[in-house]
Amino acid sequence: MVHWFSPWLLCGYNAGFRANGGSGENKGNFVAQMNKVWGLFAAAGLGLCLSVVAMADRQQDIADRIKPAGKSCLVGEECAAAPVAVASSDGPRSGEQVYTTKCFSCHATGAAGAPKLGDAAAWAPRIAQGAETLYTHAIGGLNGMPAKGLCMDCSDDEIKAAVDHMVAGSQ
């Protein structure tokens, strides 16, 4: 019995004709047509294999693009013991260095009520309070000025040197 999905029917082979003592003249056509069918199956299989290989490469590319940029480490894990980079320093920075790298963003523009460097009128009442009061306010913060002017890598001595630099430039 030949089923409807049989390759023999696709090739036009009439099983009933051969069974009834037919001449078999379509045998050569059958072989040629079966070769075509098997060739199509082989081509489809090759195309499927190539598609799977291409998709696997694409999946790896996608995985590489969406992977996390970093890794979280918890205490006790081996990666958590990595050394922390520490900024190298050749000693304490001068008052001018601290001012030009940290303080100028507010004290050059007057942001948040900060007295501008060189503005003697704005600095006079502050200078009148004394150097120790200025140091205390600079280190601990006052009104709109945060502690150490947000220079968290500055030592107290560097903050005092920056205050001295601003006072000297504003008298």
C-alpha atoms as a PDB file:
ATOM      1  CA  MET A   1       0.000   0.000   0.000  1.00  0.00           C
ATOM      2  CA  VAL A   2       1.344   3.398  -0.961  1.00  0.00           C
ATOM      3  CA  HIS A   3       0.496   6.247   1.391  1.00  0.00           C
ATOM      4  CA  TRP A   4      -0.248   9.817   0.346  1.00  0.00           C
ATOM      5  CA  PHE A   5       3.030  11.079   1.832  1.00  0.00           C
ATOM      6  CA  SER A   6       5.166   8.519   0.074  1.00  0.00           C
ATOM      7  CA  PRO A   7       8.049   9.765  -2.118  1.00  0.00           C
ATOM      8  CA  TRP A   8       6.881   7.296  -4.780  1.00  0.00           C
ATOM      9  CA  LEU A   9       3.687   9.260  -5.247  1.00  0.00           C
ATOM     10  CA  LEU A  10       5.655  12.506  -5.367  1.00  0.00           C
ATOM     11  CA  CYS A  11       7.586  11.054  -8.294  1.00  0.00           C
ATOM     12  CA  GLY A  12       4.472   9.879 -10.101  1.00  0.00           C
ATOM     13  CA  TYR A  13       5.154   6.166  -9.654  1.00  0.00           C
ATOM     14  CA  ASN A  14       1.997   4.153 -10.155  1.00  0.00           C
ATOM     15  CA  ALA A  15       2.322   1.079  -7.963  1.00  0.00           C
ATOM     16  CA  GLY A  16      -0.883  -0.348  -9.351  1.00  0.00           C
ATOM     17  CA  PHE A  17       0.445  -0.211 -12.904  1.00  0.00           C
ATOM     18  CA  ARG A  18       3.584  -2.247 -12.023  1.00  0.00           C
ATOM     19  CA  ALA A  19       1.625  -4.737  -9.969  1.00  0.00           C
ATOM     20  CA  ASN A  20      -0.717  -5.411 -12.863  1.00  0.00           C
ATOM     21  CA  GLY A  21       2.110  -6.512 -15.154  1.00  0.00           C
ATOM     22  CA  GLY A  22       2.838  -3.169 -16.707  1.00  0.00           C
ATOM     23  CA  SER A  23       5.755  -2.674 -19.001  1.00  0.00           C
ATOM     24  CA  GLY A  24       7.959  -0.911 -16.426  1.00  0.00           C
ATOM     25  CA  GLU A  25       8.825   1.809 -18.890  1.00  0.00           C
ATOM     26  CA  ASN A  26       8.498   4.421 -16.170  1.00  0.00           C
ATOM     27  CA  LYS A  27      11.235   2.743 -14.081  1.00  0.00           C
ATOM     28  CA  GLY A  28      13.940   5.049 -15.444  1.00  0.00           C
ATOM     29  CA  ASN A  29      11.790   8.074 -14.776  1.00  0.00           C
ATOM     30  CA  PHE A  30      11.141   6.806 -11.268  1.00  0.00           C
ATOM     31  CA  VAL A  31      14.850   6.539 -10.436  1.00  0.00           C
ATOM     32  CA  ALA A  32      15.552   9.992 -11.846  1.00  0.00           C
ATOM     33  CA  GLN A  33      12.645  11.487  -9.941  1.00  0.00           C
ATOM     34  CA  MET A  34      13.637   9.689  -6.720  1.00  0.00           C
ATOM     35  CA  ASN A  35      17.135  11.113  -7.107  1.00  0.00           C
ATOM     36  CA  LYS A  36      15.575  14.562  -7.320  1.00  0.00           C
ATOM     37  CA  VAL A  37      13.490  13.918  -4.191  1.00  0.00           C
ATOM     38  CA  TRP A  38      16.475  12.635  -2.211  1.00  0.00           C
ATOM     39  CA  GLY A  39      18.516  15.569  -3.490  1.00  0.00           C
ATOM     40  CA  LEU A  40      15.862  17.964  -2.203  1.00  0.00           C
ATOM     41  CA  PHE A  41      15.859  16.180   1.163  1.00  0.00           C
ATOM     42  CA  ALA A  42      19.661  16.412   1.310  1.00  0.00           C
ATOM     43  CA  ALA A  43      19.597  20.118   0.408  1.00  0.00           C
ATOM     44  CA  ALA A  44      16.930  20.825   3.021  1.00  0.00           C
ATOM     45  CA  GLY A  45      18.926  18.906   5.643  1.00  0.00           C
ATOM     46  CA  LEU A  46      22.122  20.779   4.750  1.00  0.00           C
ATOM     47  CA  GLY A  47      20.268  24.094   4.950  1.00  0.00           C
ATOM     48  CA  LEU A  48      18.863  23.148   8.344  1.00  0.00           C
ATOM     49  CA  CYS A  49      22.321  22.186   9.648  1.00  0.00           C
ATOM     50  CA  LEU A  50      23.838  25.454   8.427  1.00  0.00           C
ATOM     51  CA  SER A  51      20.999  27.424  10.022  1.00  0.00           C
ATOM     52  CA  VAL A  52      21.569  25.698  13.365  1.00  0.00           C
ATOM     53  CA  VAL A  53      25.315  26.428  13.227  1.00  0.00           C
ATOM     54  CA  ALA A  54      24.693  30.076  12.305  1.00  0.00           C
ATOM     55  CA  MET A  55      22.132  30.415  15.085  1.00  0.00           C
ATOM     56  CA  ALA A  56      24.568  28.974  17.630  1.00  0.00           C
ATOM     57  CA  ASP A  57      27.151  31.625  16.675  1.00  0.00           C
ATOM     58  CA  ARG A  58      24.504  34.326  16.888  1.00  0.00           C
ATOM     59  CA  GLN A  59      23.367  33.092  20.318  1.00  0.00           C
ATOM     60  CA  GLN A  60      26.947  33.408  21.615  1.00  0.00           C
ATOM     61  CA  ASP A  61      27.218  36.935  20.197  1.00  0.00           C
ATOM     62  CA  ILE A  62      23.967  37.915  21.902  1.00  0.00           C
ATOM     63  CA  ALA A  63      25.099  36.381  25.201  1.00  0.00           C
ATOM     64  CA  ASP A  64      28.383  38.323  24.988  1.00  0.00           C
ATOM     65  CA  ARG A  65      26.534  41.601  24.354  1.00  0.00           C
ATOM     66  CA  ILE A  66      24.096  41.303  27.247  1.00  0.00           C
ATOM     67  CA  LYS A  67      26.383  39.878  29.909  1.00  0.00           C
ATOM     68  CA  PRO A  68      26.863  42.039  33.030  1.00  0.00           C
ATOM     69  CA  ALA A  69      29.671  44.572  32.888  1.00  0.00           C
ATOM     70  CA  GLY A  70      30.903  43.732  36.364  1.00  0.00           C
ATOM     71  CA  LYS A  71      30.702  41.120  39.058  1.00  0.00           C
ATOM     72  CA  SER A  72      29.437  41.472  42.602  1.00  0.00           C
ATOM     73  CA  CYS A  73      31.570  39.965  45.328  1.00  0.00           C
ATOM     74  CA  LEU A  74      30.472  39.222  48.846  1.00  0.00           C
ATOM     75  CA  VAL A  75      32.627  39.006  51.930  1.00  0.00           C
ATOM     76  CA  GLY A  76      34.257  35.596  52.085  1.00  0.00           C
ATOM     77  CA  GLU A  77      34.408  35.073  48.327  1.00  0.00           C
ATOM     78  CA  GLU A  78      37.783  34.921  46.660  1.00  0.00           C
ATOM     79  CA  CYS A  79      37.088  37.932  44.424  1.00  0.00           C
ATOM     80  CA  ALA A  80      36.241  40.087  47.462  1.00  0.00           C
ATOM     81  CA  ALA A  81      39.867  39.986  48.572  1.00  0.00           C
ATOM     82  CA  ALA A  82      41.023  42.034  45.569  1.00  0.00           C
ATOM     83  CA  PRO A  83      43.174  45.006  46.562  1.00  0.00           C
ATOM     84  CA  VAL A  84      41.578  48.431  46.413  1.00  0.00           C
ATOM     85  CA  ALA A  85      43.388  51.036  44.359  1.00  0.00           C
ATOM     86  CA  VAL A  86      44.644  53.868  46.508  1.00  0.00           C
ATOM     87  CA  ALA A  87      45.520  57.222  45.039  1.00  0.00           C
ATOM     88  CA  SER A  88      49.222  57.788  45.286  1.00  0.00           C
ATOM     89  CA  SER A  89      50.347  60.963  46.932  1.00  0.00           C
ATOM     90  CA  ASP A  90      53.676  62.653  47.236  1.00  0.00           C
ATOM     91  CA  GLY A  91      52.617  64.201  50.518  1.00  0.00           C
ATOM     92  CA  PRO A  92      50.010  66.757  51.469  1.00  0.00           C
ATOM     93  CA  ARG A  93      48.674  68.996  48.704  1.00  0.00           C
ATOM     94  CA  SER A  94      49.156  72.710  48.893  1.00  0.00           C
ATOM     95  CA  GLY A  95      46.271  75.062  49.625  1.00  0.00           C
ATOM     96  CA  GLU A  96      46.340  76.243  46.010  1.00  0.00           C
ATOM     97  CA  GLN A  97      46.183  72.642  44.699  1.00  0.00           C
ATOM     98  CA  VAL A  98      43.195  71.840  46.906  1.00  0.00           C
ATOM     99  CA  TYR A  99      41.463  75.084  45.918  1.00  0.00           C
ATOM    100  CA  THR A 100      41.982  74.562  42.169  1.00  0.00           C
ATOM    101  CA  THR A 101      40.873  70.911  42.248  1.00  0.00           C
ATOM    102  CA  LYS A 102      38.008  71.068  44.774  1.00  0.00           C
ATOM    103  CA  CYS A 103      37.040  74.463  46.190  1.00  0.00           C
ATOM    104  CA  PHE A 104      36.927  76.557  43.032  1.00  0.00           C
ATOM    105  CA  SER A 105      33.677  75.009  41.771  1.00  0.00           C
ATOM    106  CA  CYS A 106      31.773  76.982  44.437  1.00  0.00           C
ATOM    107  CA  HIS A 107      34.203  79.685  45.522  1.00  0.00           C
ATOM    108  CA  ALA A 108      34.893  80.864  41.945  1.00  0.00           C
ATOM    109  CA  THR A 109      31.179  81.243  41.110  1.00  0.00           C
ATOM    110  CA  GLY A 110      29.609  82.055  44.478  1.00  0.00           C
ATOM    111  CA  ALA A 111      27.391  78.984  44.344  1.00  0.00           C
ATOM    112  CA  ALA A 112      25.232  78.347  47.442  1.00  0.00           C
ATOM    113  CA  GLY A 113      26.372  81.644  48.947  1.00  0.00           C
ATOM    114  CA  ALA A 114      30.075  80.759  48.969  1.00  0.00           C
ATOM    115  CA  PRO A 115      32.295  83.851  49.166  1.00  0.00           C
ATOM    116  CA  LYS A 116      34.260  84.257  45.926  1.00  0.00           C
ATOM    117  CA  LEU A 117      38.031  84.191  46.008  1.00  0.00           C
ATOM    118  CA  GLY A 118      39.231  87.799  45.871  1.00  0.00           C
ATOM    119  CA  ASP A 119      35.958  89.314  47.139  1.00  0.00           C
ATOM    120  CA  ALA A 120      37.272  91.189  50.205  1.00  0.00           C
ATOM    121  CA  ALA A 121      33.823  92.469  51.209  1.00  0.00           C
ATOM    122  CA  ALA A 122      32.354  88.949  51.372  1.00  0.00           C
ATOM    123  CA  TRP A 123      35.373  87.547  53.217  1.00  0.00           C
ATOM    124  CA  ALA A 124      35.827  90.374  55.786  1.00  0.00           C
ATOM    125  CA  PRO A 125      33.133  89.223  58.289  1.00  0.00           C
ATOM    126  CA  ARG A 126      34.354  85.636  58.022  1.00  0.00           C
ATOM    127  CA  ILE A 127      38.000  86.591  58.512  1.00  0.00           C
ATOM    128  CA  ALA A 128      36.975  88.674  61.549  1.00  0.00           C
ATOM    129  CA  GLN A 129      35.718  85.464  63.241  1.00  0.00           C
ATOM    130  CA  GLY A 130      39.263  84.121  63.313  1.00  0.00           C
ATOM    131  CA  ALA A 131      41.172  81.370  61.552  1.00  0.00           C
ATOM    132  CA  GLU A 132      40.068  78.596  63.937  1.00  0.00           C
ATOM    133  CA  THR A 133      36.388  79.351  63.268  1.00  0.00           C
ATOM    134  CA  LEU A 134      37.045  79.304  59.501  1.00  0.00           C
ATOM    135  CA  TYR A 135      38.839  75.959  59.849  1.00  0.00           C
ATOM    136  CA  THR A 136      35.993  74.491  61.928  1.00  0.00           C
ATOM    137  CA  HIS A 137      33.363  75.610  59.406  1.00  0.00           C
ATOM    138  CA  ALA A 138      35.408  74.356  56.443  1.00  0.00           C
ATOM    139  CA  ILE A 139      36.054  70.936  58.006  1.00  0.00           C
ATOM    140  CA  GLY A 140      32.608  70.406  59.573  1.00  0.00           C
ATOM    141  CA  GLY A 141      30.482  72.335  57.085  1.00  0.00           C
ATOM    142  CA  LEU A 142      28.181  75.315  57.640  1.00  0.00           C
ATOM    143  CA  ASN A 143      24.881  76.312  56.026  1.00  0.00           C
ATOM    144  CA  GLY A 144      25.209  75.539  52.279  1.00  0.00           C
ATOM    145  CA  MET A 145      28.780  74.294  52.528  1.00  0.00           C
ATOM    146  CA  PRO A 146      29.099  70.535  53.099  1.00  0.00           C
ATOM    147  CA  ALA A 147      31.817  69.119  55.326  1.00  0.00           C
ATOM    148  CA  LYS A 148      35.241  69.548  53.745  1.00  0.00           C
ATOM    149  CA  GLY A 149      33.475  70.994  50.702  1.00  0.00           C
ATOM    150  CA  LEU A 150      32.913  67.353  49.637  1.00  0.00           C
ATOM    151  CA  CYS A 151      36.672  66.798  49.364  1.00  0.00           C
ATOM    152  CA  MET A 152      36.579  63.482  51.186  1.00  0.00           C
ATOM    153  CA  ASP A 153      40.143  62.595  50.184  1.00  0.00           C
ATOM    154  CA  CYS A 154      41.466  65.824  51.743  1.00  0.00           C
ATOM    155  CA  SER A 155      43.077  65.761  55.152  1.00  0.00           C
ATOM    156  CA  ASP A 156      42.188  68.383  57.753  1.00  0.00           C
ATOM    157  CA  ASP A 157      45.580  70.011  57.203  1.00  0.00           C
ATOM    158  CA  GLU A 158      44.927  70.261  53.455  1.00  0.00           C
ATOM    159  CA  ILE A 159      41.534  71.890  54.128  1.00  0.00           C
ATOM    160  CA  LYS A 160      43.223  74.384  56.476  1.00  0.00           C
ATOM    161  CA  ALA A 161      45.820  75.137  53.777  1.00  0.00           C
ATOM    162  CA  ALA A 162      43.011  75.766  51.246  1.00  0.00           C
ATOM    163  CA  VAL A 163      41.293  78.124  53.719  1.00  0.00           C
ATOM    164  CA  ASP A 164      44.590  79.981  54.246  1.00  0.00           C
ATOM    165  CA  HIS A 165      45.004  80.248  50.445  1.00  0.00           C
ATOM    166  CA  MET A 166      41.498  81.735  50.011  1.00  0.00           C
ATOM    167  CA  VAL A 167      41.933  84.141  52.942  1.00  0.00           C
ATOM    168  CA  ALA A 168      45.292  85.323  51.589  1.00  0.00           C
ATOM    169  CA  GLY A 169      43.746  85.893  48.149  1.00  0.00           C
ATOM    170  CA  SER A 170      40.749  87.766  49.548  1.00  0.00           C
ATOM    171  CA  GLN A 171      42.228  90.379  51.922  1.00  0.00           C
END
